[in-house]
Protein backbone atom coordinates (compact mmCIF):
# COMPACT_ATOMS: atom_id res chain seq x y z
CA UNK A 1 229.39 187.30 51.53
CA UNK A 2 229.40 185.46 54.87
CA UNK A 3 226.60 183.00 55.53
CA UNK A 4 224.53 183.58 58.65
CA UNK A 5 223.75 180.08 59.95
CA UNK A 6 222.06 181.45 63.06
CA UNK A 7 219.11 183.10 61.30
CA UNK A 8 216.53 180.90 59.58
CA UNK A 9 215.48 181.65 56.05
CA UNK A 10 211.96 182.77 55.22
CA UNK A 11 210.65 179.20 54.68
CA UNK A 12 212.52 177.40 57.43
CA UNK A 13 209.82 177.93 60.06
CA UNK A 14 207.05 176.52 57.90
CA UNK A 15 209.19 173.53 56.91
CA UNK A 16 209.95 172.81 60.52
CA UNK A 17 206.25 173.05 61.34
CA UNK A 18 205.40 170.58 58.58
CA UNK A 19 208.08 168.15 59.77
CA UNK A 20 206.87 168.50 63.35
CA UNK A 21 203.27 167.72 62.36
CA UNK A 22 204.40 164.69 60.36
CA UNK A 23 206.46 163.44 63.29
CA UNK A 24 203.51 163.84 65.65
CA UNK A 25 201.26 161.90 63.28
CA UNK A 26 203.81 159.09 63.04
CA UNK A 27 204.22 158.95 66.81
CA UNK A 28 200.44 158.91 67.27
CA UNK A 29 200.02 156.03 64.83
CA UNK A 30 202.83 154.09 66.48
CA UNK A 31 201.27 154.70 69.90
CA UNK A 32 197.89 153.39 68.73
CA UNK A 33 199.47 150.32 67.15
CA UNK A 34 201.56 149.71 70.25
CA UNK A 35 198.52 150.07 72.53
CA UNK A 36 196.45 147.67 70.44
CA UNK A 37 199.26 145.13 70.42
CA UNK A 38 199.74 145.48 74.18
CA UNK A 39 196.09 144.75 75.02
CA UNK A 40 195.67 141.85 72.59
CA UNK A 41 194.66 139.08 75.03
CA UNK A 42 195.09 136.13 72.64
CA UNK A 43 197.27 133.24 73.78
CA UNK A 44 199.61 132.39 70.87
CA UNK A 45 200.11 128.86 72.23
CA UNK A 46 196.51 127.87 71.61
CA UNK A 47 196.16 126.20 68.21
CA UNK A 48 192.99 127.13 66.34
CA UNK A 49 191.21 124.36 64.41
CA UNK A 50 191.16 125.01 60.67
CA UNK A 51 187.94 126.33 59.04
CA UNK A 52 186.00 126.29 62.33
CA UNK A 53 183.99 129.54 62.72
CA UNK A 54 184.00 128.98 66.49
CA UNK A 55 187.80 128.64 66.63
CA UNK A 56 189.79 130.58 69.23
CA UNK A 57 190.54 134.04 67.83
CA UNK A 58 190.25 137.77 68.50
CA UNK A 59 186.61 138.87 68.74
CA UNK A 60 186.49 142.58 69.52
CA UNK A 61 187.94 143.11 73.00
CA UNK A 62 188.41 139.41 73.81
CA UNK A 63 189.75 136.15 72.38
CA UNK A 64 187.31 133.27 72.44
CA UNK A 65 186.59 129.89 70.91
CA UNK A 66 187.63 126.26 70.70
CA UNK A 67 191.21 125.15 70.26
CA UNK A 68 193.22 122.00 69.57
CA UNK A 69 194.43 120.52 72.86
CA UNK A 70 198.09 119.62 72.93
CA UNK A 71 199.03 116.39 74.70
CA UNK A 72 200.32 117.23 78.17
CA UNK A 73 203.15 115.31 79.76
CA UNK A 74 202.69 116.85 83.19
CA UNK A 75 200.28 116.00 85.99
CA UNK A 76 199.12 119.58 86.53
CA UNK A 77 196.18 120.86 88.54
CA UNK A 78 194.30 123.49 86.53
CA UNK A 79 192.51 126.24 88.43
CA UNK A 80 189.48 126.60 86.14
CA UNK A 81 187.03 128.79 88.07
CA UNK A 82 186.69 131.00 91.14
CA UNK A 83 183.29 132.58 91.79
CA UNK A 84 181.16 134.06 94.52
CA UNK A 85 177.90 133.91 92.57
CA UNK A 86 177.39 132.10 89.28
CA UNK A 87 173.78 132.14 88.16
CA UNK A 88 172.21 129.72 85.71
CA UNK A 89 171.83 131.15 82.20
CA UNK A 90 170.62 130.06 78.79
CA UNK A 91 173.56 130.38 76.35
CA UNK A 92 171.15 130.42 73.39
CA UNK A 93 169.02 133.28 74.71
CA UNK A 94 171.25 135.96 73.18
CA UNK A 95 171.51 137.78 76.53
CA UNK A 96 174.95 139.05 77.53
CA UNK A 97 176.63 137.78 80.69
CA UNK A 98 177.80 140.36 83.21
CA UNK A 99 180.99 139.67 85.15
CA UNK A 100 181.59 141.71 88.33
CA UNK A 101 184.51 141.74 90.76
CA UNK A 102 186.03 143.77 93.60
CA UNK A 103 189.20 145.66 92.65
CA UNK A 104 192.16 144.73 94.84
CA UNK A 105 194.63 147.09 93.13
CA UNK A 106 193.60 150.31 91.38
CA UNK A 107 196.96 150.46 89.56
CA UNK A 108 196.88 147.04 87.87
CA UNK A 109 194.70 145.67 85.05
CA UNK A 110 192.38 142.71 85.56
CA UNK A 111 192.70 139.56 83.46
CA UNK A 112 189.58 137.52 82.71
CA UNK A 113 189.60 133.90 81.56
CA UNK A 114 186.96 131.25 80.98
CA UNK A 115 187.53 127.52 80.59
CA UNK A 116 185.25 124.94 79.04
CA UNK A 117 184.57 122.03 81.41
CA UNK A 118 182.92 119.60 78.99
CA UNK A 119 185.11 116.59 78.22
CA UNK A 120 186.81 116.68 74.81
CA UNK A 121 185.54 120.20 74.09
CA UNK A 122 188.51 122.53 74.48
CA UNK A 123 187.22 126.08 74.84
CA UNK A 124 188.66 129.28 76.28
CA UNK A 125 187.98 132.99 76.54
CA UNK A 126 190.62 135.61 77.40
CA UNK A 127 190.18 139.34 78.03
CA UNK A 128 191.98 142.14 79.83
CA UNK A 129 190.30 145.12 81.49
CA UNK A 130 191.99 148.44 82.38
CA UNK A 131 192.98 149.35 85.96
CA UNK A 132 190.02 150.35 88.10
CA UNK A 133 187.46 148.43 86.00
CA UNK A 134 184.94 146.46 88.03
CA UNK A 135 182.75 144.73 85.45
CA UNK A 136 182.67 143.27 81.97
CA UNK A 137 179.79 142.64 79.57
CA UNK A 138 180.38 139.36 77.77
CA UNK A 139 178.45 138.54 74.56
CA UNK A 140 177.26 134.93 74.60
CA UNK A 141 177.31 134.32 70.84
CA UNK A 142 180.12 131.74 70.93
CA UNK A 143 178.77 130.14 74.12
CA UNK A 144 175.43 129.75 72.37
CA UNK A 145 177.00 128.29 69.24
CA UNK A 146 178.82 125.70 71.37
CA UNK A 147 175.92 125.21 73.82
CA UNK A 148 178.11 125.91 76.85
CA UNK A 149 175.93 126.51 79.90
CA UNK A 150 176.92 127.20 83.51
CA UNK A 151 177.47 123.48 84.15
CA UNK A 152 180.26 123.35 81.56
CA UNK A 153 181.89 126.74 82.19
CA UNK A 154 184.55 128.00 84.58
CA UNK A 155 185.43 131.70 84.95
CA UNK A 156 188.39 133.48 86.54
CA UNK A 157 189.60 137.01 87.24
CA UNK A 158 193.01 137.98 88.57
CA UNK A 159 195.44 140.85 89.01
CA UNK A 160 199.09 141.13 90.03
CA UNK A 161 199.84 142.28 93.58
CA UNK A 162 203.08 142.89 95.43
CA UNK A 163 203.24 140.43 98.33
CA UNK A 164 206.37 140.22 100.42
CA UNK A 165 209.42 140.58 98.21
CA UNK A 166 207.71 139.59 94.97
CA UNK A 167 204.62 139.84 92.81
CA UNK A 168 201.81 137.28 92.94
CA UNK A 169 198.85 136.50 90.73
CA UNK A 170 195.90 137.17 93.04
CA UNK A 171 192.47 135.94 91.98
CA UNK A 172 189.33 138.03 92.44
CA UNK A 173 186.04 136.19 93.11
CA UNK A 174 183.56 136.76 90.29
CA UNK A 175 179.83 137.29 90.20
CA UNK A 176 178.46 136.02 86.88
CA UNK A 177 174.94 136.22 85.49
CA UNK A 178 172.60 137.73 82.94
CA UNK A 179 170.59 139.55 85.65
CA UNK A 180 171.75 141.93 88.43
CA UNK A 181 172.72 140.30 91.75
CA UNK A 182 170.88 141.33 94.90
CA UNK A 183 172.55 139.35 97.68
CA UNK A 184 176.03 137.83 97.22
CA UNK A 185 176.61 134.40 98.73
CA UNK A 186 178.73 134.00 101.88
CA UNK A 187 181.27 131.70 100.31
CA UNK A 188 183.32 130.98 97.21
CA UNK A 189 183.52 128.08 94.81
CA UNK A 190 186.81 127.00 93.27
CA UNK A 191 186.91 124.45 90.44
CA UNK A 192 190.04 122.36 90.01
CA UNK A 193 190.65 120.15 86.93
CA UNK A 194 193.30 117.41 87.35
CA UNK A 195 195.21 116.13 84.33
CA UNK A 196 195.25 112.60 85.80
CA UNK A 197 193.01 110.64 88.14
CA UNK A 198 193.59 111.48 91.81
CA UNK A 199 193.27 109.53 95.04
CA UNK A 200 192.87 112.51 97.39
CA UNK A 201 193.17 116.33 97.53
CA UNK A 202 194.56 118.17 100.58
CA UNK A 203 194.04 121.87 101.35
CA UNK A 204 196.02 124.35 103.47
CA UNK A 205 194.46 127.80 103.90
CA UNK A 206 196.39 130.81 105.27
CA UNK A 207 195.68 134.53 105.50
CA UNK A 208 198.47 136.79 104.25
CA UNK A 209 198.93 140.15 105.99
CA UNK A 210 201.72 142.55 106.87
CA UNK A 211 203.04 140.10 109.45
CA UNK A 212 203.50 136.32 109.33
CA UNK A 213 200.84 134.23 107.62
CA UNK A 214 198.05 132.83 109.82
CA UNK A 215 197.12 129.26 108.93
CA UNK A 216 193.40 128.53 109.16
CA UNK A 217 193.82 124.79 108.54
CA UNK A 218 196.54 122.52 107.21
CA UNK A 219 196.43 119.44 104.94
CA UNK A 220 192.69 119.08 105.29
CA UNK A 221 191.48 116.23 103.02
CA UNK A 222 188.62 117.00 100.68
CA UNK A 223 187.32 113.43 101.16
CA UNK A 224 185.20 113.23 98.01
CA UNK A 225 186.45 109.70 97.31
CA UNK A 226 186.61 110.00 93.51
CA UNK A 227 188.55 112.47 91.37
CA UNK A 228 188.44 111.44 87.68
CA UNK A 229 190.83 112.71 85.04
CA UNK A 230 189.91 116.00 83.31
CA UNK A 231 186.70 116.49 85.31
CA UNK A 232 186.11 119.55 87.44
CA UNK A 233 186.36 119.18 91.22
CA UNK A 234 184.24 121.78 93.04
CA UNK A 235 185.82 123.08 96.25
CA UNK A 236 183.86 125.40 98.60
CA UNK A 237 185.79 128.09 100.52
CA UNK A 238 184.17 129.85 103.47
CA UNK A 239 186.59 129.72 106.45
CA UNK A 240 187.63 133.39 106.16
CA UNK A 241 187.77 135.78 109.11
CA UNK A 242 189.24 139.02 107.75
CA UNK A 243 189.60 141.09 104.60
CA UNK A 244 192.78 140.62 102.59
CA UNK A 245 194.81 138.14 100.60
CA UNK A 246 194.65 134.41 101.29
CA UNK A 247 196.84 131.55 100.16
CA UNK A 248 195.34 128.15 99.40
CA UNK A 249 197.95 125.43 98.92
CA UNK A 250 196.55 122.41 97.10
CA UNK A 251 198.24 119.02 97.25
CA UNK A 252 197.07 115.82 95.60
CA UNK A 253 198.02 112.17 95.54
CA UNK A 254 197.66 110.49 92.16
CA UNK A 255 196.32 107.06 91.32
CA UNK A 256 199.82 106.00 90.22
CA UNK A 257 201.25 106.89 93.66
CA UNK A 258 202.92 110.17 92.66
CA UNK A 259 201.96 113.56 94.10
CA UNK A 260 201.48 117.06 92.76
CA UNK A 261 200.87 120.52 94.24
CA UNK A 262 199.79 123.99 93.18
CA UNK A 263 199.33 127.35 94.90
CA UNK A 264 196.31 129.64 94.66
CA UNK A 265 196.15 133.22 96.00
CA UNK A 266 192.90 135.15 96.23
CA UNK A 267 191.50 138.41 97.60
CA UNK A 268 188.66 138.41 100.10
CA UNK A 269 186.85 141.74 100.48
CA UNK A 270 184.47 140.61 103.22
CA UNK A 271 181.00 139.12 103.11
C-alpha cells in the first residue's frame, strides 16, 4: 500500500501544537534572560571588596557600593558630576532621592552614574533607564550606610546622540533631591576630578548645531590657583544662548609640566 506523506496522521496536529508551545516557552525564557542580561548595569572592571556588605554589586535595578581602586598609570580627568540643581539631603533619613532630567533622544536609553568624592572612599552607582524615561527614584540605603552626603557625591546622566558623522555621549543635566523642585537654577555645575595635581585648567565652549560649531570662548583659564590630586574641581557653566548640544573642551597643565585634555558634550534645553 502506498504511503501518503502529504496527509498528516490523526495525532500529528496535536504533536505539532505541543512542540510549538514548547518552542514558544523556550523562546520566551531566552528572551527574558537576554533582556535581563542586556540591562545589567554592573561594571565588571570594578573589583568588589571581600565580605563587605556595602560592596559594589547588583541591587535591584542598579549596581551600587564601594570597590577596590586599581592603581592608574594615566593622568586622566574624570567627569564626576553634571547637575542643574542638587539639593542638600540627609543620607541617613531613609528618604529616597529623585533624579530628573530632560530627554534629548526619545529612542535611546539614559545611563545614570554616581561617583563618591571623598578621598580614599571609592564608591559608585550605575543604572540604566529605558528610552523616554525622565526620572529615577534612588533608594539611599547604601548612601546612608557609607554616610555619603551631597558634599561627597557626584551624579551624571547621559545618552548617545548622532552628531555629525558619528555618535557621541551627550550628558543631560540632572536635578537631584528628596523634595520636588520648584524653580530650576539658571546654570549648571560640572565636577572634574584630576588623577594628578594640576597647575591650571582651560575651557573652550562651543555650541553644536546643523552648521559649523559656534565658539563661545576659547582656552579660558579657570584661575582657581590650586587643583589637588583626586579632589573635585567645581566648574560653573552658564554662557549658553540657545537650546541644543554643546561641546566643552577641557585642557589642563600638570604640576610635572605635562598636559592632558578631555572632551565633554552636554544638552541644554533652555533655562
